[in-house]
Amino acid sequence: MKKTIAIAALSIAVLTANTAFADPLATDIGTLSHAWAKAYYQTPERSQEAAYSALVAQADAVAKAYPARAEPMIWQAIILSSYAKAKGGLGAVDLAEKARDIALAAAKIDDKALNAGAYTSLGALYYKVPGWPIGFGSDKKAKEYLDRAVAIAPESIDVNYFYGDFMIELGDKEKARDFLNKALRAPARSGREDADAGRKQEIEADLAKLQG
């Protein structure tokens, strides 16, 4: 499958409201997550770049307010990844590199935060971004980070979705189905209904590809 800068969000999107936060942080993270879900799943493509540009500034402000916490940094990486997808072109690589660096820093603070959100984001970035000489993409590193993520959060909808999508990229249909079906069975996330609904549409689309 041809590599593109179609960096998914992490969504990596992606990633759990079950972690216990201090109330102000929980509120700020919830605001970011809902705004991201609206931009990623409900905003027309022509308007997404502007939406993400505004979200980057919001995420930066939250991260500065909680410099010792990994969660805001994970959301910075997610939003930057989505911004890269919307922007496209060589400028997208710069955004992806920034997302990668922030996710790496978040993992050093707390690699379990947001259901291994930092590792999930890194895995998605490494298989979606083109390799040298255009970008830093690497299937080997993608697998390394996704393996770490699934070891920490084996039931996560996001981890299993991205692993399944990665297996499609590698042409391993059997493993892709296993991960994608597990993603569909993932527990619902309280407060993340909008993201869960969008993610399930992506999972169904990937499963449909496997039937073709």
C-alpha atoms as a PDB file:
ATOM      1  CA  MET A   1       0.000   0.000   0.000  1.00  0.00           C
ATOM      2  CA  LYS A   2       1.426   3.369  -0.974  1.00  0.00           C
ATOM      3  CA  LYS A   3       2.530   5.419   1.979  1.00  0.00           C
ATOM      4  CA  THR A   4       1.050   8.880   2.317  1.00  0.00           C
ATOM      5  CA  ILE A   5       1.032  11.642   4.810  1.00  0.00           C
ATOM      6  CA  ALA A   6      -2.471  10.508   5.728  1.00  0.00           C
ATOM      7  CA  ILE A   7      -1.525  10.459   9.365  1.00  0.00           C
ATOM      8  CA  ALA A   8      -4.299   9.235  11.473  1.00  0.00           C
ATOM      9  CA  ALA A   9      -5.059  10.771  14.398  1.00  0.00           C
ATOM     10  CA  LEU A  10      -4.675   9.328  17.131  1.00  0.00           C
ATOM     11  CA  SER A  11      -6.682   9.577  17.758  1.00  0.00           C
ATOM     12  CA  ILE A  12      -4.099   8.138  18.028  1.00  0.00           C
ATOM     13  CA  ALA A  13      -6.970   9.859  18.529  1.00  0.00           C
ATOM     14  CA  VAL A  14      -7.195   8.251  20.953  1.00  0.00           C
ATOM     15  CA  LEU A  15      -7.645   7.591  23.773  1.00  0.00           C
ATOM     16  CA  THR A  16      -9.634   6.907  27.048  1.00  0.00           C
ATOM     17  CA  ALA A  17     -11.421   8.993  29.596  1.00  0.00           C
ATOM     18  CA  ASN A  18     -10.906   6.387  32.267  1.00  0.00           C
ATOM     19  CA  THR A  19      -7.616   7.785  33.559  1.00  0.00           C
ATOM     20  CA  ALA A  20      -8.017   9.746  36.778  1.00  0.00           C
ATOM     21  CA  PHE A  21      -7.094  13.397  36.402  1.00  0.00           C
ATOM     22  CA  ALA A  22      -7.273  16.303  38.741  1.00  0.00           C
ATOM     23  CA  ASP A  23     -10.568  18.023  37.878  1.00  0.00           C
ATOM     24  CA  PRO A  24      -9.148  21.049  35.990  1.00  0.00           C
ATOM     25  CA  LEU A  25      -6.959  18.824  33.847  1.00  0.00           C
ATOM     26  CA  ALA A  26      -9.847  16.449  33.177  1.00  0.00           C
ATOM     27  CA  THR A  27     -11.953  19.370  32.016  1.00  0.00           C
ATOM     28  CA  ASP A  28      -9.225  20.698  29.730  1.00  0.00           C
ATOM     29  CA  ILE A  29      -8.504  17.257  28.268  1.00  0.00           C
ATOM     30  CA  GLY A  30     -12.219  16.672  27.710  1.00  0.00           C
ATOM     31  CA  THR A  31     -12.502  19.975  25.861  1.00  0.00           C
ATOM     32  CA  LEU A  32      -9.586  19.068  23.603  1.00  0.00           C
ATOM     33  CA  SER A  33     -10.887  15.566  22.926  1.00  0.00           C
ATOM     34  CA  HIS A  34     -14.372  16.735  21.932  1.00  0.00           C
ATOM     35  CA  ALA A  35     -13.007  19.546  19.774  1.00  0.00           C
ATOM     36  CA  TRP A  36     -10.670  17.084  18.060  1.00  0.00           C
ATOM     37  CA  ALA A  37     -13.478  14.584  17.425  1.00  0.00           C
ATOM     38  CA  LYS A  38     -15.610  17.345  15.905  1.00  0.00           C
ATOM     39  CA  ALA A  39     -12.750  18.486  13.651  1.00  0.00           C
ATOM     40  CA  TYR A  40     -11.684  14.993  12.635  1.00  0.00           C
ATOM     41  CA  TYR A  41     -15.029  13.271  12.122  1.00  0.00           C
ATOM     42  CA  GLN A  42     -17.585  16.023  11.514  1.00  0.00           C
ATOM     43  CA  THR A  43     -15.796  18.931   9.815  1.00  0.00           C
ATOM     44  CA  PRO A  44     -15.608  19.080   5.983  1.00  0.00           C
ATOM     45  CA  GLU A  45     -12.098  18.475   4.672  1.00  0.00           C
ATOM     46  CA  ARG A  46     -11.837  21.983   3.255  1.00  0.00           C
ATOM     47  CA  SER A  47     -12.300  23.428   6.759  1.00  0.00           C
ATOM     48  CA  GLN A  48     -10.186  20.993   8.747  1.00  0.00           C
ATOM     49  CA  GLU A  49      -6.839  22.730   8.380  1.00  0.00           C
ATOM     50  CA  ALA A  50      -8.158  25.900  10.018  1.00  0.00           C
ATOM     51  CA  ALA A  51      -9.844  23.893  12.751  1.00  0.00           C
ATOM     52  CA  TYR A  52      -6.625  22.077  13.626  1.00  0.00           C
ATOM     53  CA  SER A  53      -4.584  25.266  13.541  1.00  0.00           C
ATOM     54  CA  ALA A  54      -6.803  26.684  16.274  1.00  0.00           C
ATOM     55  CA  LEU A  55      -6.696  23.423  18.216  1.00  0.00           C
ATOM     56  CA  VAL A  56      -2.889  23.369  18.189  1.00  0.00           C
ATOM     57  CA  ALA A  57      -2.866  26.662  20.056  1.00  0.00           C
ATOM     58  CA  GLN A  58      -5.366  25.343  22.598  1.00  0.00           C
ATOM     59  CA  ALA A  59      -3.387  22.154  23.139  1.00  0.00           C
ATOM     60  CA  ASP A  60      -0.154  24.117  23.556  1.00  0.00           C
ATOM     61  CA  ALA A  61      -1.784  26.225  26.264  1.00  0.00           C
ATOM     62  CA  VAL A  62      -3.012  23.152  28.159  1.00  0.00           C
ATOM     63  CA  ALA A  63       0.414  21.526  27.944  1.00  0.00           C
ATOM     64  CA  LYS A  64       2.073  24.668  29.322  1.00  0.00           C
ATOM     65  CA  ALA A  65      -0.386  24.702  32.214  1.00  0.00           C
ATOM     66  CA  TYR A  66       0.490  21.099  33.166  1.00  0.00           C
ATOM     67  CA  PRO A  67       4.175  20.682  32.245  1.00  0.00           C
ATOM     68  CA  ALA A  68       4.659  17.550  34.355  1.00  0.00           C
ATOM     69  CA  ARG A  69       1.741  15.627  32.848  1.00  0.00           C
ATOM     70  CA  ALA A  70       1.852  13.378  29.794  1.00  0.00           C
ATOM     71  CA  GLU A  71      -1.837  13.638  28.883  1.00  0.00           C
ATOM     72  CA  PRO A  72      -1.784  17.149  27.371  1.00  0.00           C
ATOM     73  CA  MET A  73       1.349  16.280  25.430  1.00  0.00           C
ATOM     74  CA  ILE A  74      -0.342  13.212  23.983  1.00  0.00           C
ATOM     75  CA  TRP A  75      -3.178  15.409  22.802  1.00  0.00           C
ATOM     76  CA  GLN A  76      -0.702  17.842  21.304  1.00  0.00           C
ATOM     77  CA  ALA A  77       0.719  14.941  19.284  1.00  0.00           C
ATOM     78  CA  ILE A  78      -2.717  13.744  18.234  1.00  0.00           C
ATOM     79  CA  ILE A  79      -3.810  17.181  17.067  1.00  0.00           C
ATOM     80  CA  LEU A  80      -0.544  17.883  15.251  1.00  0.00           C
ATOM     81  CA  SER A  81      -0.837  14.521  13.482  1.00  0.00           C
ATOM     82  CA  SER A  82      -4.347  15.368  12.353  1.00  0.00           C
ATOM     83  CA  TYR A  83      -3.200  18.822  11.261  1.00  0.00           C
ATOM     84  CA  ALA A  84      -0.490  17.169   9.167  1.00  0.00           C
ATOM     85  CA  LYS A  85      -3.082  14.984   7.477  1.00  0.00           C
ATOM     86  CA  ALA A  86      -5.242  17.990   6.634  1.00  0.00           C
ATOM     87  CA  LYS A  87      -2.335  20.148   5.489  1.00  0.00           C
ATOM     88  CA  GLY A  88      -0.565  17.605   3.271  1.00  0.00           C
ATOM     89  CA  GLY A  89       2.590  18.255   1.283  1.00  0.00           C
ATOM     90  CA  LEU A  90       6.071  18.785   2.667  1.00  0.00           C
ATOM     91  CA  GLY A  91       4.731  21.012   5.424  1.00  0.00           C
ATOM     92  CA  ALA A  92       2.954  17.994   6.817  1.00  0.00           C
ATOM     93  CA  VAL A  93       6.274  16.257   7.473  1.00  0.00           C
ATOM     94  CA  ASP A  94       7.393  19.104   9.740  1.00  0.00           C
ATOM     95  CA  LEU A  95       4.165  18.816  11.717  1.00  0.00           C
ATOM     96  CA  ALA A  96       4.553  15.047  11.935  1.00  0.00           C
ATOM     97  CA  GLU A  97       8.106  15.417  13.226  1.00  0.00           C
ATOM     98  CA  LYS A  98       6.910  17.781  15.925  1.00  0.00           C
ATOM     99  CA  ALA A  99       4.136  15.342  16.861  1.00  0.00           C
ATOM    100  CA  ARG A 100       6.690  12.524  17.075  1.00  0.00           C
ATOM    101  CA  ASP A 101       9.013  14.506  19.325  1.00  0.00           C
ATOM    102  CA  ILE A 102       6.200  15.494  21.670  1.00  0.00           C
ATOM    103  CA  ALA A 103       4.889  11.912  21.851  1.00  0.00           C
ATOM    104  CA  LEU A 104       8.381  10.658  22.683  1.00  0.00           C
ATOM    105  CA  ALA A 105       8.632  13.211  25.488  1.00  0.00           C
ATOM    106  CA  ALA A 106       5.193  12.201  26.790  1.00  0.00           C
ATOM    107  CA  ALA A 107       6.205   8.529  26.868  1.00  0.00           C
ATOM    108  CA  LYS A 108       9.192   9.415  29.049  1.00  0.00           C
ATOM    109  CA  ILE A 109       6.869  11.086  31.546  1.00  0.00           C
ATOM    110  CA  ASP A 110       4.201   8.345  31.627  1.00  0.00           C
ATOM    111  CA  ASP A 111       4.025   5.667  28.940  1.00  0.00           C
ATOM    112  CA  LYS A 112       0.763   4.302  30.375  1.00  0.00           C
ATOM    113  CA  ALA A 113      -1.148   7.586  30.216  1.00  0.00           C
ATOM    114  CA  LEU A 114      -4.318   7.614  28.107  1.00  0.00           C
ATOM    115  CA  ASN A 115      -4.117   3.873  27.437  1.00  0.00           C
ATOM    116  CA  ALA A 116      -0.556   4.047  26.098  1.00  0.00           C
ATOM    117  CA  GLY A 117      -1.545   7.052  24.010  1.00  0.00           C
ATOM    118  CA  ALA A 118       2.039   8.150  23.391  1.00  0.00           C
ATOM    119  CA  TYR A 119       3.080   4.761  21.997  1.00  0.00           C
ATOM    120  CA  THR A 120      -0.113   4.474  19.953  1.00  0.00           C
ATOM    121  CA  SER A 121       0.523   7.880  18.417  1.00  0.00           C
ATOM    122  CA  LEU A 122       4.145   6.993  17.669  1.00  0.00           C
ATOM    123  CA  GLY A 123       3.172   3.703  16.058  1.00  0.00           C
ATOM    124  CA  ALA A 124       0.623   5.408  13.824  1.00  0.00           C
ATOM    125  CA  LEU A 125       3.059   8.136  12.841  1.00  0.00           C
ATOM    126  CA  TYR A 126       5.832   5.730  11.932  1.00  0.00           C
ATOM    127  CA  TYR A 127       3.702   3.639   9.579  1.00  0.00           C
ATOM    128  CA  LYS A 128       1.773   6.521   8.039  1.00  0.00           C
ATOM    129  CA  VAL A 129       4.628   8.937   7.371  1.00  0.00           C
ATOM    130  CA  PRO A 130       6.759   8.173   4.298  1.00  0.00           C
ATOM    131  CA  GLY A 131      10.258   6.898   4.883  1.00  0.00           C
ATOM    132  CA  TRP A 132      13.578   8.411   3.874  1.00  0.00           C
ATOM    133  CA  PRO A 133      14.291  10.678   2.034  1.00  0.00           C
ATOM    134  CA  ILE A 134      10.904  12.356   2.490  1.00  0.00           C
ATOM    135  CA  GLY A 135      10.126  11.534   6.095  1.00  0.00           C
ATOM    136  CA  PHE A 136      10.990   9.407   9.102  1.00  0.00           C
ATOM    137  CA  GLY A 137       8.554   6.555   8.506  1.00  0.00           C
ATOM    138  CA  SER A 138       9.632   3.050   9.488  1.00  0.00           C
ATOM    139  CA  ASP A 139       7.558  -0.138   9.635  1.00  0.00           C
ATOM    140  CA  LYS A 140      10.058  -1.588  12.115  1.00  0.00           C
ATOM    141  CA  LYS A 141       9.621   1.297  14.543  1.00  0.00           C
ATOM    142  CA  ALA A 142       5.856   1.329  13.980  1.00  0.00           C
ATOM    143  CA  LYS A 143       5.636  -2.302  15.081  1.00  0.00           C
ATOM    144  CA  GLU A 144       7.902  -1.649  18.062  1.00  0.00           C
ATOM    145  CA  TYR A 145       5.692   1.143  19.377  1.00  0.00           C
ATOM    146  CA  LEU A 146       2.410  -0.588  18.616  1.00  0.00           C
ATOM    147  CA  ASP A 147       3.673  -3.705  20.392  1.00  0.00           C
ATOM    148  CA  ARG A 148       4.453  -1.583  23.437  1.00  0.00           C
ATOM    149  CA  ALA A 149       1.015   0.012  23.268  1.00  0.00           C
ATOM    150  CA  VAL A 150      -0.894  -3.261  23.003  1.00  0.00           C
ATOM    151  CA  ALA A 151       1.114  -4.726  25.892  1.00  0.00           C
ATOM    152  CA  ILE A 152      -0.040  -1.839  28.108  1.00  0.00           C
ATOM    153  CA  ALA A 153      -3.604  -1.444  26.830  1.00  0.00           C
ATOM    154  CA  PRO A 154      -4.666  -4.681  25.097  1.00  0.00           C
ATOM    155  CA  GLU A 155      -8.380  -3.780  25.071  1.00  0.00           C
ATOM    156  CA  SER A 156      -8.031  -0.228  23.750  1.00  0.00           C
ATOM    157  CA  ILE A 157     -10.125   0.585  20.690  1.00  0.00           C
ATOM    158  CA  ASP A 158      -7.434   2.925  19.380  1.00  0.00           C
ATOM    159  CA  VAL A 159      -4.480   0.590  19.878  1.00  0.00           C
ATOM    160  CA  ASN A 160      -6.271  -2.292  18.190  1.00  0.00           C
ATOM    161  CA  TYR A 161      -7.565  -0.125  15.354  1.00  0.00           C
ATOM    162  CA  PHE A 162      -4.137   1.236  14.503  1.00  0.00           C
ATOM    163  CA  TYR A 163      -2.516  -2.173  14.772  1.00  0.00           C
ATOM    164  CA  GLY A 164      -5.149  -3.609  12.438  1.00  0.00           C
ATOM    165  CA  ASP A 165      -4.734  -0.757   9.992  1.00  0.00           C
ATOM    166  CA  PHE A 166      -0.964  -1.273  10.098  1.00  0.00           C
ATOM    167  CA  MET A 167      -1.412  -4.978   9.321  1.00  0.00           C
ATOM    168  CA  ILE A 168      -3.449  -4.017   6.246  1.00  0.00           C
ATOM    169  CA  GLU A 169      -0.515  -1.853   5.189  1.00  0.00           C
ATOM    170  CA  LEU A 170       1.784  -4.867   5.565  1.00  0.00           C
ATOM    171  CA  GLY A 171      -0.607  -7.172   3.715  1.00  0.00           C
ATOM    172  CA  ASP A 172      -1.337  -9.452   6.692  1.00  0.00           C
ATOM    173  CA  LYS A 173      -5.104  -9.770   6.332  1.00  0.00           C
ATOM    174  CA  GLU A 174      -5.558 -12.384   9.047  1.00  0.00           C
ATOM    175  CA  LYS A 175      -3.875 -10.329  11.754  1.00  0.00           C
ATOM    176  CA  ALA A 176      -5.619  -7.215  10.501  1.00  0.00           C
ATOM    177  CA  ARG A 177      -9.029  -8.839  10.986  1.00  0.00           C
ATOM    178  CA  ASP A 178      -8.082 -10.049  14.456  1.00  0.00           C
ATOM    179  CA  PHE A 179      -7.053  -6.588  15.651  1.00  0.00           C
ATOM    180  CA  LEU A 180      -9.925  -4.780  13.962  1.00  0.00           C
ATOM    181  CA  ASN A 181     -12.548  -7.137  15.346  1.00  0.00           C
ATOM    182  CA  LYS A 182     -11.020  -6.754  18.794  1.00  0.00           C
ATOM    183  CA  ALA A 183     -11.244  -2.994  18.352  1.00  0.00           C
ATOM    184  CA  LEU A 184     -14.958  -3.308  17.591  1.00  0.00           C
ATOM    185  CA  ARG A 185     -15.435  -5.240  20.842  1.00  0.00           C
ATOM    186  CA  ALA A 186     -13.594  -2.656  22.937  1.00  0.00           C
ATOM    187  CA  PRO A 187     -15.468  -1.269  25.943  1.00  0.00           C
ATOM    188  CA  ALA A 188     -17.282   2.013  25.389  1.00  0.00           C
ATOM    189  CA  ARG A 189     -15.462   5.029  26.796  1.00  0.00           C
ATOM    190  CA  SER A 190     -17.501   7.299  29.030  1.00  0.00           C
ATOM    191  CA  GLY A 191     -17.363  10.834  27.698  1.00  0.00           C
ATOM    192  CA  ARG A 192     -15.765   9.699  24.429  1.00  0.00           C
ATOM    193  CA  GLU A 193     -18.916   8.620  22.612  1.00  0.00           C
ATOM    194  CA  ASP A 194     -18.213  10.962  19.696  1.00  0.00           C
ATOM    195  CA  ALA A 195     -14.710   9.587  19.184  1.00  0.00           C
ATOM    196  CA  ASP A 196     -15.868   5.982  19.606  1.00  0.00           C
ATOM    197  CA  ALA A 197     -18.566   6.422  16.952  1.00  0.00           C
ATOM    198  CA  GLY A 198     -16.090   7.880  14.471  1.00  0.00           C
ATOM    199  CA  ARG A 199     -13.452   5.277  15.198  1.00  0.00           C
ATOM    200  CA  LYS A 200     -15.922   2.445  14.663  1.00  0.00           C
ATOM    201  CA  GLN A 201     -16.721   3.850  11.226  1.00  0.00           C
ATOM    202  CA  GLU A 202     -13.005   3.695  10.402  1.00  0.00           C
ATOM    203  CA  ILE A 203     -12.813   0.124  11.690  1.00  0.00           C
ATOM    204  CA  GLU A 204     -15.784  -0.918   9.560  1.00  0.00           C
ATOM    205  CA  ALA A 205     -14.186   0.727   6.528  1.00  0.00           C
ATOM    206  CA  ASP A 206     -10.971  -1.232   7.081  1.00  0.00           C
ATOM    207  CA  LEU A 207     -12.882  -4.488   7.507  1.00  0.00           C
ATOM    208  CA  ALA A 208     -14.695  -3.761   4.241  1.00  0.00           C
ATOM    209  CA  LYS A 209     -11.315  -3.399   2.505  1.00  0.00           C
ATOM    210  CA  LEU A 210     -10.390  -6.867   3.693  1.00  0.00           C
ATOM    211  CA  GLN A 211     -13.484  -8.320   2.060  1.00  0.00           C
ATOM    212  CA  GLY A 212     -12.618  -6.867  -1.317  1.00  0.00           C
END
